[in-house]
Amino acid sequence: LLMRRPEITGFISVSPPANMYDFSFLAPCPASGLIINGSADRVAPTKDTDSLVSKLREQKGITISHEMIEGAGHFFEHEQDHMAPMIDLVQAYVRRRLGEVSR
């Protein structure tokens, strides 16, 4: 989608299954973004998400932010411990990016 829609200036990806799918289409990635995963994710292991983030960070002209929620699984099962912090990260990122665009 990012490659076909140049007007998209950013993305948020939560628990990307980097171990199950080929994300090489994101290189080169035309937009900055946020990737969030849980440290206890057994569906999309942390090492695979870290590799994806590292690959994306090699790109020039974009910023890839990466946040990990300690103890969270793939579905951020516990509302207060995992889901709420993930939502807070998304909201803060969107507010920051909207502030950058409106300047």
PDB file of N, CA and C in Angstrom:
ATOM      1  N   LEU A   1       0.827  -1.192   0.000  1.00  0.00           N
ATOM      2  CA  LEU A   1       0.000   0.000   0.000  1.00  0.00           C
ATOM      3  C   LEU A   1       0.870   1.254   0.000  1.00  0.00           C
ATOM      4  N   LEU A   2       1.919   1.238   0.818  1.00  0.00           N
ATOM      5  CA  LEU A   2       2.797   2.411   0.875  1.00  0.00           C
ATOM      6  C   LEU A   2       3.431   2.719  -0.473  1.00  0.00           C
ATOM      7  N   MET A   3       3.792   1.685  -1.203  1.00  0.00           N
ATOM      8  CA  MET A   3       4.469   1.885  -2.482  1.00  0.00           C
ATOM      9  C   MET A   3       3.527   2.449  -3.540  1.00  0.00           C
ATOM     10  N   ARG A   4       2.250   2.120  -3.444  1.00  0.00           N
ATOM     11  CA  ARG A   4       1.280   2.566  -4.443  1.00  0.00           C
ATOM     12  C   ARG A   4       0.592   3.864  -4.067  1.00  0.00           C
ATOM     13  N   ARG A   5       0.775   4.325  -2.846  1.00  0.00           N
ATOM     14  CA  ARG A   5       0.082   5.525  -2.368  1.00  0.00           C
ATOM     15  C   ARG A   5       1.088   6.529  -1.827  1.00  0.00           C
ATOM     16  N   PRO A   6       1.698   7.316  -2.697  1.00  0.00           N
ATOM     17  CA  PRO A   6       2.746   8.244  -2.260  1.00  0.00           C
ATOM     18  C   PRO A   6       2.257   9.326  -1.298  1.00  0.00           C
ATOM     19  N   GLU A   7       0.949   9.547  -1.231  1.00  0.00           N
ATOM     20  CA  GLU A   7       0.425  10.554  -0.300  1.00  0.00           C
ATOM     21  C   GLU A   7       0.439  10.065   1.147  1.00  0.00           C
ATOM     22  N   ILE A   8       0.646   8.775   1.359  1.00  0.00           N
ATOM     23  CA  ILE A   8       0.741   8.238   2.718  1.00  0.00           C
ATOM     24  C   ILE A   8       2.127   8.580   3.251  1.00  0.00           C
ATOM     25  N   THR A   9       2.148   9.292   4.360  1.00  0.00           N
ATOM     26  CA  THR A   9       3.420   9.792   4.884  1.00  0.00           C
ATOM     27  C   THR A   9       3.909   9.044   6.119  1.00  0.00           C
ATOM     28  N   GLY A  10       3.177   8.035   6.537  1.00  0.00           N
ATOM     29  CA  GLY A  10       3.612   7.290   7.701  1.00  0.00           C
ATOM     30  C   GLY A  10       2.780   6.042   7.901  1.00  0.00           C
ATOM     31  N   PHE A  11       3.270   5.171   8.778  1.00  0.00           N
ATOM     32  CA  PHE A  11       2.535   3.941   9.062  1.00  0.00           C
ATOM     33  C   PHE A  11       2.747   3.537  10.507  1.00  0.00           C
ATOM     34  N   ILE A  12       1.822   2.720  10.998  1.00  0.00           N
ATOM     35  CA  ILE A  12       1.934   2.088  12.310  1.00  0.00           C
ATOM     36  C   ILE A  12       1.677   0.605  12.090  1.00  0.00           C
ATOM     37  N   SER A  13       2.561  -0.216  12.595  1.00  0.00           N
ATOM     38  CA  SER A  13       2.408  -1.664  12.484  1.00  0.00           C
ATOM     39  C   SER A  13       2.522  -2.264  13.877  1.00  0.00           C
ATOM     40  N   VAL A  14       1.503  -3.011  14.268  1.00  0.00           N
ATOM     41  CA  VAL A  14       1.487  -3.646  15.581  1.00  0.00           C
ATOM     42  C   VAL A  14       1.637  -5.152  15.385  1.00  0.00           C
ATOM     43  N   SER A  15       2.636  -5.713  16.014  1.00  0.00           N
ATOM     44  CA  SER A  15       2.926  -7.150  15.951  1.00  0.00           C
ATOM     45  C   SER A  15       3.056  -7.673  14.523  1.00  0.00           C
ATOM     46  N   PRO A  16       3.909  -7.048  13.710  1.00  0.00           N
ATOM     47  CA  PRO A  16       4.040  -7.550  12.338  1.00  0.00           C
ATOM     48  C   PRO A  16       4.628  -8.966  12.338  1.00  0.00           C
ATOM     49  N   PRO A  17       3.995  -9.892  11.635  1.00  0.00           N
ATOM     50  CA  PRO A  17       4.485 -11.274  11.622  1.00  0.00           C
ATOM     51  C   PRO A  17       5.670 -11.438  10.672  1.00  0.00           C
ATOM     52  N   ALA A  18       6.782 -10.849  11.045  1.00  0.00           N
ATOM     53  CA  ALA A  18       7.972 -10.828  10.187  1.00  0.00           C
ATOM     54  C   ALA A  18       8.537 -12.220   9.950  1.00  0.00           C
ATOM     55  N   ASN A  19       8.182 -13.166  10.798  1.00  0.00           N
ATOM     56  CA  ASN A  19       8.646 -14.543  10.624  1.00  0.00           C
ATOM     57  C   ASN A  19       7.781 -15.333   9.645  1.00  0.00           C
ATOM     58  N   MET A  20       6.605 -14.816   9.298  1.00  0.00           N
ATOM     59  CA  MET A  20       5.665 -15.555   8.455  1.00  0.00           C
ATOM     60  C   MET A  20       5.562 -15.023   7.029  1.00  0.00           C
ATOM     61  N   TYR A  21       5.902 -13.758   6.851  1.00  0.00           N
ATOM     62  CA  TYR A  21       5.730 -13.126   5.549  1.00  0.00           C
ATOM     63  C   TYR A  21       7.018 -12.442   5.121  1.00  0.00           C
ATOM     64  N   ASP A  22       7.167 -12.300   3.843  1.00  0.00           N
ATOM     65  CA  ASP A  22       8.322 -11.614   3.281  1.00  0.00           C
ATOM     66  C   ASP A  22       8.026 -10.117   3.247  1.00  0.00           C
ATOM     67  N   PHE A  23       8.699  -9.370   4.079  1.00  0.00           N
ATOM     68  CA  PHE A  23       8.502  -7.923   4.135  1.00  0.00           C
ATOM     69  C   PHE A  23       9.531  -7.178   3.293  1.00  0.00           C
ATOM     70  N   SER A  24      10.227  -7.884   2.423  1.00  0.00           N
ATOM     71  CA  SER A  24      11.252  -7.223   1.606  1.00  0.00           C
ATOM     72  C   SER A  24      10.657  -6.174   0.672  1.00  0.00           C
ATOM     73  N   PHE A  25       9.351  -6.262   0.422  1.00  0.00           N
ATOM     74  CA  PHE A  25       8.701  -5.251  -0.413  1.00  0.00           C
ATOM     75  C   PHE A  25       8.757  -3.870   0.232  1.00  0.00           C
ATOM     76  N   LEU A  26       9.017  -3.818   1.528  1.00  0.00           N
ATOM     77  CA  LEU A  26       9.126  -2.527   2.208  1.00  0.00           C
ATOM     78  C   LEU A  26      10.468  -1.852   1.971  1.00  0.00           C
ATOM     79  N   ALA A  27      11.383  -2.548   1.354  1.00  0.00           N
ATOM     80  CA  ALA A  27      12.689  -1.951   1.072  1.00  0.00           C
ATOM     81  C   ALA A  27      12.774  -1.680  -0.422  1.00  0.00           C
ATOM     82  N   PRO A  28      12.802  -0.472  -0.861  1.00  0.00           N
ATOM     83  CA  PRO A  28      12.862   0.735  -0.040  1.00  0.00           C
ATOM     84  C   PRO A  28      11.481   1.155   0.468  1.00  0.00           C
ATOM     85  N   CYS A  29      11.445   1.545   1.711  1.00  0.00           N
ATOM     86  CA  CYS A  29      10.210   2.009   2.336  1.00  0.00           C
ATOM     87  C   CYS A  29      10.133   3.523   2.166  1.00  0.00           C
ATOM     88  N   PRO A  30       9.064   4.027   1.572  1.00  0.00           N
ATOM     89  CA  PRO A  30       8.984   5.455   1.295  1.00  0.00           C
ATOM     90  C   PRO A  30       8.485   6.313   2.455  1.00  0.00           C
ATOM     91  N   ALA A  31       8.135   5.709   3.596  1.00  0.00           N
ATOM     92  CA  ALA A  31       7.530   6.473   4.680  1.00  0.00           C
ATOM     93  C   ALA A  31       8.101   6.060   6.030  1.00  0.00           C
ATOM     94  N   SER A  32       8.137   7.030   6.933  1.00  0.00           N
ATOM     95  CA  SER A  32       8.525   6.755   8.316  1.00  0.00           C
ATOM     96  C   SER A  32       7.391   6.014   9.009  1.00  0.00           C
ATOM     97  N   GLY A  33       7.714   5.349  10.109  1.00  0.00           N
ATOM     98  CA  GLY A  33       6.663   4.620  10.793  1.00  0.00           C
ATOM     99  C   GLY A  33       7.034   4.175  12.185  1.00  0.00           C
ATOM    100  N   LEU A  34       6.047   3.586  12.829  1.00  0.00           N
ATOM    101  CA  LEU A  34       6.174   3.047  14.179  1.00  0.00           C
ATOM    102  C   LEU A  34       5.855   1.558  14.129  1.00  0.00           C
ATOM    103  N   ILE A  35       6.711   0.762  14.719  1.00  0.00           N
ATOM    104  CA  ILE A  35       6.473  -0.672  14.855  1.00  0.00           C
ATOM    105  C   ILE A  35       6.432  -0.987  16.344  1.00  0.00           C
ATOM    106  N   ILE A  36       5.359  -1.664  16.761  1.00  0.00           N
ATOM    107  CA  ILE A  36       5.168  -2.037  18.166  1.00  0.00           C
ATOM    108  C   ILE A  36       5.041  -3.554  18.237  1.00  0.00           C
ATOM    109  N   ASN A  37       5.718  -4.137  19.196  1.00  0.00           N
ATOM    110  CA  ASN A  37       5.545  -5.567  19.432  1.00  0.00           C
ATOM    111  C   ASN A  37       5.655  -5.851  20.925  1.00  0.00           C
ATOM    112  N   GLY A  38       5.256  -7.056  21.296  1.00  0.00           N
ATOM    113  CA  GLY A  38       5.348  -7.478  22.683  1.00  0.00           C
ATOM    114  C   GLY A  38       6.555  -8.365  22.902  1.00  0.00           C
ATOM    115  N   SER A  39       7.162  -8.255  24.072  1.00  0.00           N
ATOM    116  CA  SER A  39       8.363  -9.050  24.354  1.00  0.00           C
ATOM    117  C   SER A  39       8.056 -10.539  24.496  1.00  0.00           C
ATOM    118  N   ALA A  40       6.790 -10.887  24.740  1.00  0.00           N
ATOM    119  CA  ALA A  40       6.405 -12.290  24.910  1.00  0.00           C
ATOM    120  C   ALA A  40       5.594 -12.803  23.720  1.00  0.00           C
ATOM    121  N   ASP A  41       5.746 -12.171  22.570  1.00  0.00           N
ATOM    122  CA  ASP A  41       5.005 -12.565  21.367  1.00  0.00           C
ATOM    123  C   ASP A  41       5.564 -13.879  20.832  1.00  0.00           C
ATOM    124  N   ARG A  42       4.743 -14.930  20.845  1.00  0.00           N
ATOM    125  CA  ARG A  42       5.171 -16.230  20.319  1.00  0.00           C
ATOM    126  C   ARG A  42       4.691 -16.441  18.887  1.00  0.00           C
ATOM    127  N   VAL A  43       3.803 -15.577  18.395  1.00  0.00           N
ATOM    128  CA  VAL A  43       3.346 -15.658  17.008  1.00  0.00           C
ATOM    129  C   VAL A  43       4.367 -14.997  16.095  1.00  0.00           C
ATOM    130  N   ALA A  44       4.802 -13.811  16.481  1.00  0.00           N
ATOM    131  CA  ALA A  44       5.815 -13.058  15.728  1.00  0.00           C
ATOM    132  C   ALA A  44       6.967 -12.765  16.691  1.00  0.00           C
ATOM    133  N   PRO A  45       7.936 -13.661  16.782  1.00  0.00           N
ATOM    134  CA  PRO A  45       9.017 -13.530  17.763  1.00  0.00           C
ATOM    135  C   PRO A  45       9.793 -12.210  17.662  1.00  0.00           C
ATOM    136  N   THR A  46      10.239 -11.759  18.800  1.00  0.00           N
ATOM    137  CA  THR A  46      10.952 -10.489  18.910  1.00  0.00           C
ATOM    138  C   THR A  46      12.153 -10.416  17.978  1.00  0.00           C
ATOM    139  N   LYS A  47      12.906 -11.498  17.861  1.00  0.00           N
ATOM    140  CA  LYS A  47      14.111 -11.461  17.011  1.00  0.00           C
ATOM    141  C   LYS A  47      13.761 -11.155  15.557  1.00  0.00           C
ATOM    142  N   ASP A  48      12.617 -11.639  15.092  1.00  0.00           N
ATOM    143  CA  ASP A  48      12.207 -11.379  13.714  1.00  0.00           C
ATOM    144  C   ASP A  48      11.746  -9.932  13.538  1.00  0.00           C
ATOM    145  N   THR A  49      11.042  -9.418  14.539  1.00  0.00           N
ATOM    146  CA  THR A  49      10.629  -8.014  14.483  1.00  0.00           C
ATOM    147  C   THR A  49      11.851  -7.109  14.540  1.00  0.00           C
ATOM    148  N   ASP A  50      12.806  -7.446  15.401  1.00  0.00           N
ATOM    149  CA  ASP A  50      14.041  -6.661  15.484  1.00  0.00           C
ATOM    150  C   ASP A  50      14.777  -6.640  14.144  1.00  0.00           C
ATOM    151  N   SER A  51      14.806  -7.773  13.458  1.00  0.00           N
ATOM    152  CA  SER A  51      15.463  -7.838  12.143  1.00  0.00           C
ATOM    153  C   SER A  51      14.757  -6.950  11.130  1.00  0.00           C
ATOM    154  N   LEU A  52      13.426  -6.974  11.149  1.00  0.00           N
ATOM    155  CA  LEU A  52      12.651  -6.114  10.248  1.00  0.00           C
ATOM    156  C   LEU A  52      12.945  -4.648  10.529  1.00  0.00           C
ATOM    157  N   VAL A  53      12.933  -4.271  11.802  1.00  0.00           N
ATOM    158  CA  VAL A  53      13.219  -2.882  12.184  1.00  0.00           C
ATOM    159  C   VAL A  53      14.621  -2.488  11.727  1.00  0.00           C
ATOM    160  N   SER A  54      15.595  -3.339  11.950  1.00  0.00           N
ATOM    161  CA  SER A  54      16.975  -3.041  11.535  1.00  0.00           C
ATOM    162  C   SER A  54      17.068  -2.828  10.033  1.00  0.00           C
ATOM    163  N   LYS A  55      16.402  -3.686   9.276  1.00  0.00           N
ATOM    164  CA  LYS A  55      16.417  -3.565   7.812  1.00  0.00           C
ATOM    165  C   LYS A  55      15.790  -2.239   7.376  1.00  0.00           C
ATOM    166  N   LEU A  56      14.667  -1.882   7.969  1.00  0.00           N
ATOM    167  CA  LEU A  56      13.997  -0.630   7.604  1.00  0.00           C
ATOM    168  C   LEU A  56      14.822   0.587   8.003  1.00  0.00           C
ATOM    169  N   ARG A  57      15.527   0.493   9.120  1.00  0.00           N
ATOM    170  CA  ARG A  57      16.339   1.621   9.584  1.00  0.00           C
ATOM    171  C   ARG A  57      17.550   1.888   8.697  1.00  0.00           C
ATOM    172  N   GLU A  58      17.876   0.977   7.801  1.00  0.00           N
ATOM    173  CA  GLU A  58      18.975   1.195   6.862  1.00  0.00           C
ATOM    174  C   GLU A  58      18.606   2.220   5.788  1.00  0.00           C
ATOM    175  N   GLN A  59      17.324   2.463   5.617  1.00  0.00           N
ATOM    176  CA  GLN A  59      16.850   3.384   4.581  1.00  0.00           C
ATOM    177  C   GLN A  59      17.186   4.826   4.955  1.00  0.00           C
ATOM    178  N   LYS A  60      17.546   5.593   3.978  1.00  0.00           N
ATOM    179  CA  LYS A  60      17.823   7.017   4.200  1.00  0.00           C
ATOM    180  C   LYS A  60      16.535   7.814   4.013  1.00  0.00           C
ATOM    181  N   GLY A  61      16.393   8.872   4.788  1.00  0.00           N
ATOM    182  CA  GLY A  61      15.269   9.775   4.619  1.00  0.00           C
ATOM    183  C   GLY A  61      14.005   9.396   5.359  1.00  0.00           C
ATOM    184  N   ILE A  62      14.030   8.309   6.108  1.00  0.00           N
ATOM    185  CA  ILE A  62      12.869   7.932   6.914  1.00  0.00           C
ATOM    186  C   ILE A  62      13.330   7.610   8.331  1.00  0.00           C
ATOM    187  N   THR A  63      12.387   7.652   9.251  1.00  0.00           N
ATOM    188  CA  THR A  63      12.662   7.304  10.640  1.00  0.00           C
ATOM    189  C   THR A  63      11.729   6.173  11.041  1.00  0.00           C
ATOM    190  N   ILE A  64      12.298   5.097  11.522  1.00  0.00           N
ATOM    191  CA  ILE A  64      11.503   3.972  12.005  1.00  0.00           C
ATOM    192  C   ILE A  64      11.630   3.940  13.522  1.00  0.00           C
ATOM    193  N   SER A  65      10.509   4.162  14.196  1.00  0.00           N
ATOM    194  CA  SER A  65      10.462   4.069  15.654  1.00  0.00           C
ATOM    195  C   SER A  65      10.034   2.652  16.014  1.00  0.00           C
ATOM    196  N   HIS A  66      10.615   2.135  17.089  1.00  0.00           N
ATOM    197  CA  HIS A  66      10.291   0.772  17.515  1.00  0.00           C
ATOM    198  C   HIS A  66      10.056   0.782  19.014  1.00  0.00           C
ATOM    199  N   GLU A  67       8.911   0.279  19.419  1.00  0.00           N
ATOM    200  CA  GLU A  67       8.566   0.186  20.834  1.00  0.00           C
ATOM    201  C   GLU A  67       8.184  -1.253  21.157  1.00  0.00           C
ATOM    202  N   MET A  68       8.650  -1.725  22.301  1.00  0.00           N
ATOM    203  CA  MET A  68       8.303  -3.065  22.745  1.00  0.00           C
ATOM    204  C   MET A  68       7.585  -2.963  24.086  1.00  0.00           C
ATOM    205  N   ILE A  69       6.447  -3.626  24.181  1.00  0.00           N
ATOM    206  CA  ILE A  69       5.686  -3.665  25.429  1.00  0.00           C
ATOM    207  C   ILE A  69       6.145  -4.906  26.200  1.00  0.00           C
ATOM    208  N   GLU A  70       6.756  -4.678  27.341  1.00  0.00           N
ATOM    209  CA  GLU A  70       7.304  -5.766  28.157  1.00  0.00           C
ATOM    210  C   GLU A  70       6.189  -6.708  28.612  1.00  0.00           C
ATOM    211  N   GLY A  71       6.383  -7.995  28.356  1.00  0.00           N
ATOM    212  CA  GLY A  71       5.446  -9.020  28.799  1.00  0.00           C
ATOM    213  C   GLY A  71       4.243  -9.241  27.901  1.00  0.00           C
ATOM    214  N   ALA A  72       4.062  -8.405  26.885  1.00  0.00           N
ATOM    215  CA  ALA A  72       2.886  -8.524  26.014  1.00  0.00           C
ATOM    216  C   ALA A  72       3.067  -9.643  25.002  1.00  0.00           C
ATOM    217  N   GLY A  73       1.977 -10.368  24.762  1.00  0.00           N
ATOM    218  CA  GLY A  73       1.943 -11.372  23.716  1.00  0.00           C
ATOM    219  C   GLY A  73       1.489 -10.740  22.407  1.00  0.00           C
ATOM    220  N   HIS A  74       1.213 -11.562  21.426  1.00  0.00           N
ATOM    221  CA  HIS A  74       0.856 -11.086  20.093  1.00  0.00           C
ATOM    222  C   HIS A  74      -0.428 -10.255  20.099  1.00  0.00           C
ATOM    223  N   PHE A  75      -1.360 -10.596  20.980  1.00  0.00           N
ATOM    224  CA  PHE A  75      -2.658  -9.927  20.990  1.00  0.00           C
ATOM    225  C   PHE A  75      -2.824  -8.938  22.144  1.00  0.00           C
ATOM    226  N   PHE A  76      -1.757  -8.637  22.869  1.00  0.00           N
ATOM    227  CA  PHE A  76      -1.791  -7.653  23.956  1.00  0.00           C
ATOM    228  C   PHE A  76      -2.968  -7.938  24.893  1.00  0.00           C
ATOM    229  N   GLU A  77      -3.010  -9.166  25.389  1.00  0.00           N
ATOM    230  CA  GLU A  77      -4.161  -9.717  26.083  1.00  0.00           C
ATOM    231  C   GLU A  77      -4.613  -8.958  27.329  1.00  0.00           C
ATOM    232  N   HIS A  78      -3.703  -8.465  28.127  1.00  0.00           N
ATOM    233  CA  HIS A  78      -4.081  -7.823  29.390  1.00  0.00           C
ATOM    234  C   HIS A  78      -4.287  -6.327  29.182  1.00  0.00           C
ATOM    235  N   GLU A  79      -5.508  -5.884  29.393  1.00  0.00           N
ATOM    236  CA  GLU A  79      -5.898  -4.501  29.100  1.00  0.00           C
ATOM    237  C   GLU A  79      -4.956  -3.481  29.732  1.00  0.00           C
ATOM    238  N   GLN A  80      -4.815  -3.503  31.038  1.00  0.00           N
ATOM    239  CA  GLN A  80      -4.032  -2.467  31.717  1.00  0.00           C
ATOM    240  C   GLN A  80      -2.528  -2.622  31.515  1.00  0.00           C
ATOM    241  N   ASP A  81      -2.047  -3.853  31.485  1.00  0.00           N
ATOM    242  CA  ASP A  81      -0.605  -4.072  31.381  1.00  0.00           C
ATOM    243  C   ASP A  81      -0.073  -3.980  29.962  1.00  0.00           C
ATOM    244  N   HIS A  82      -0.906  -4.322  28.977  1.00  0.00           N
ATOM    245  CA  HIS A  82      -0.399  -4.419  27.609  1.00  0.00           C
ATOM    246  C   HIS A  82      -1.175  -3.575  26.603  1.00  0.00           C
ATOM    247  N   MET A  83      -2.491  -3.713  26.563  1.00  0.00           N
ATOM    248  CA  MET A  83      -3.286  -2.998  25.565  1.00  0.00           C
ATOM    249  C   MET A  83      -3.253  -1.487  25.794  1.00  0.00           C
ATOM    250  N   ALA A  84      -3.467  -1.046  27.015  1.00  0.00           N
ATOM    251  CA  ALA A  84      -3.484   0.396  27.297  1.00  0.00           C
ATOM    252  C   ALA A  84      -2.148   1.061  26.959  1.00  0.00           C
ATOM    253  N   PRO A  85      -1.001   0.486  27.351  1.00  0.00           N
ATOM    254  CA  PRO A  85       0.269   1.111  26.966  1.00  0.00           C
ATOM    255  C   PRO A  85       0.482   1.134  25.450  1.00  0.00           C
ATOM    256  N   MET A  86       0.017   0.087  24.756  1.00  0.00           N
ATOM    257  CA  MET A  86       0.158   0.061  23.299  1.00  0.00           C
ATOM    258  C   MET A  86      -0.675   1.175  22.669  1.00  0.00           C
ATOM    259  N   ILE A  87      -1.895   1.340  23.142  1.00  0.00           N
ATOM    260  CA  ILE A  87      -2.760   2.406  22.623  1.00  0.00           C
ATOM    261  C   ILE A  87      -2.152   3.767  22.927  1.00  0.00           C
ATOM    262  N   ASP A  88      -1.592   3.940  24.117  1.00  0.00           N
ATOM    263  CA  ASP A  88      -0.937   5.207  24.467  1.00  0.00           C
ATOM    264  C   ASP A  88       0.217   5.516  23.510  1.00  0.00           C
ATOM    265  N   LEU A  89       1.009   4.506  23.171  1.00  0.00           N
ATOM    266  CA  LEU A  89       2.120   4.703  22.232  1.00  0.00           C
ATOM    267  C   LEU A  89       1.608   5.133  20.861  1.00  0.00           C
ATOM    268  N   VAL A  90       0.550   4.479  20.388  1.00  0.00           N
ATOM    269  CA  VAL A  90      -0.026   4.825  19.083  1.00  0.00           C
ATOM    270  C   VAL A  90      -0.546   6.255  19.104  1.00  0.00           C
ATOM    271  N   GLN A  91      -1.291   6.618  20.142  1.00  0.00           N
ATOM    272  CA  GLN A  91      -1.843   7.970  20.223  1.00  0.00           C
ATOM    273  C   GLN A  91      -0.741   9.021  20.270  1.00  0.00           C
ATOM    274  N   ALA A  92       0.290   8.782  21.052  1.00  0.00           N
ATOM    275  CA  ALA A  92       1.395   9.744  21.149  1.00  0.00           C
ATOM    276  C   ALA A  92       2.105   9.881  19.807  1.00  0.00           C
ATOM    277  N   TYR A  93       2.308   8.782  19.111  1.00  0.00           N
ATOM    278  CA  TYR A  93       2.974   8.818  17.808  1.00  0.00           C
ATOM    279  C   TYR A  93       2.133   9.595  16.793  1.00  0.00           C
ATOM    280  N   VAL A  94       0.835   9.317  16.758  1.00  0.00           N
ATOM    281  CA  VAL A  94      -0.046  10.023  15.817  1.00  0.00           C
ATOM    282  C   VAL A  94      -0.070  11.513  16.133  1.00  0.00           C
ATOM    283  N   ARG A  95      -0.175  11.876  17.404  1.00  0.00           N
ATOM    284  CA  ARG A  95      -0.160  13.306  17.776  1.00  0.00           C
ATOM    285  C   ARG A  95       1.135  13.967  17.325  1.00  0.00           C
ATOM    286  N   ARG A  96       2.247  13.301  17.565  1.00  0.00           N
ATOM    287  CA  ARG A  96       3.543  13.863  17.171  1.00  0.00           C
ATOM    288  C   ARG A  96       3.629  14.021  15.661  1.00  0.00           C
ATOM    289  N   ARG A  97       3.225  13.010  14.922  1.00  0.00           N
ATOM    290  CA  ARG A  97       3.297  13.077  13.458  1.00  0.00           C
ATOM    291  C   ARG A  97       2.350  14.134  12.900  1.00  0.00           C
ATOM    292  N   LEU A  98       1.158  14.246  13.468  1.00  0.00           N
ATOM    293  CA  LEU A  98       0.227  15.279  13.005  1.00  0.00           C
ATOM    294  C   LEU A  98       0.781  16.664  13.281  1.00  0.00           C
ATOM    295  N   GLY A  99       1.486  16.815  14.393  1.00  0.00           N
ATOM    296  CA  GLY A  99       2.137  18.086  14.698  1.00  0.00           C
ATOM    297  C   GLY A  99       3.215  18.424  13.696  1.00  0.00           C
ATOM    298  N   GLU A 100       3.951  17.418  13.228  1.00  0.00           N
ATOM    299  CA  GLU A 100       4.992  17.634  12.218  1.00  0.00           C
ATOM    300  C   GLU A 100       4.386  18.050  10.890  1.00  0.00           C
ATOM    301  N   VAL A 101       3.272  17.447  10.519  1.00  0.00           N
ATOM    302  CA  VAL A 101       2.629  17.719   9.232  1.00  0.00           C
ATOM    303  C   VAL A 101       1.993  19.098   9.213  1.00  0.00           C
ATOM    304  N   SER A 102       1.454  19.541  10.357  1.00  0.00           N
ATOM    305  CA  SER A 102       0.729  20.814  10.383  1.00  0.00           C
ATOM    306  C   SER A 102       1.642  22.027  10.425  1.00  0.00           C
ATOM    307  N   ARG A 103       2.940  21.835  10.581  1.00  0.00           N
ATOM    308  CA  ARG A 103       3.870  22.967  10.653  1.00  0.00           C
ATOM    309  C   ARG A 103       4.164  23.536   9.298  1.00  0.00           C
TER     310      ARG A 103
END
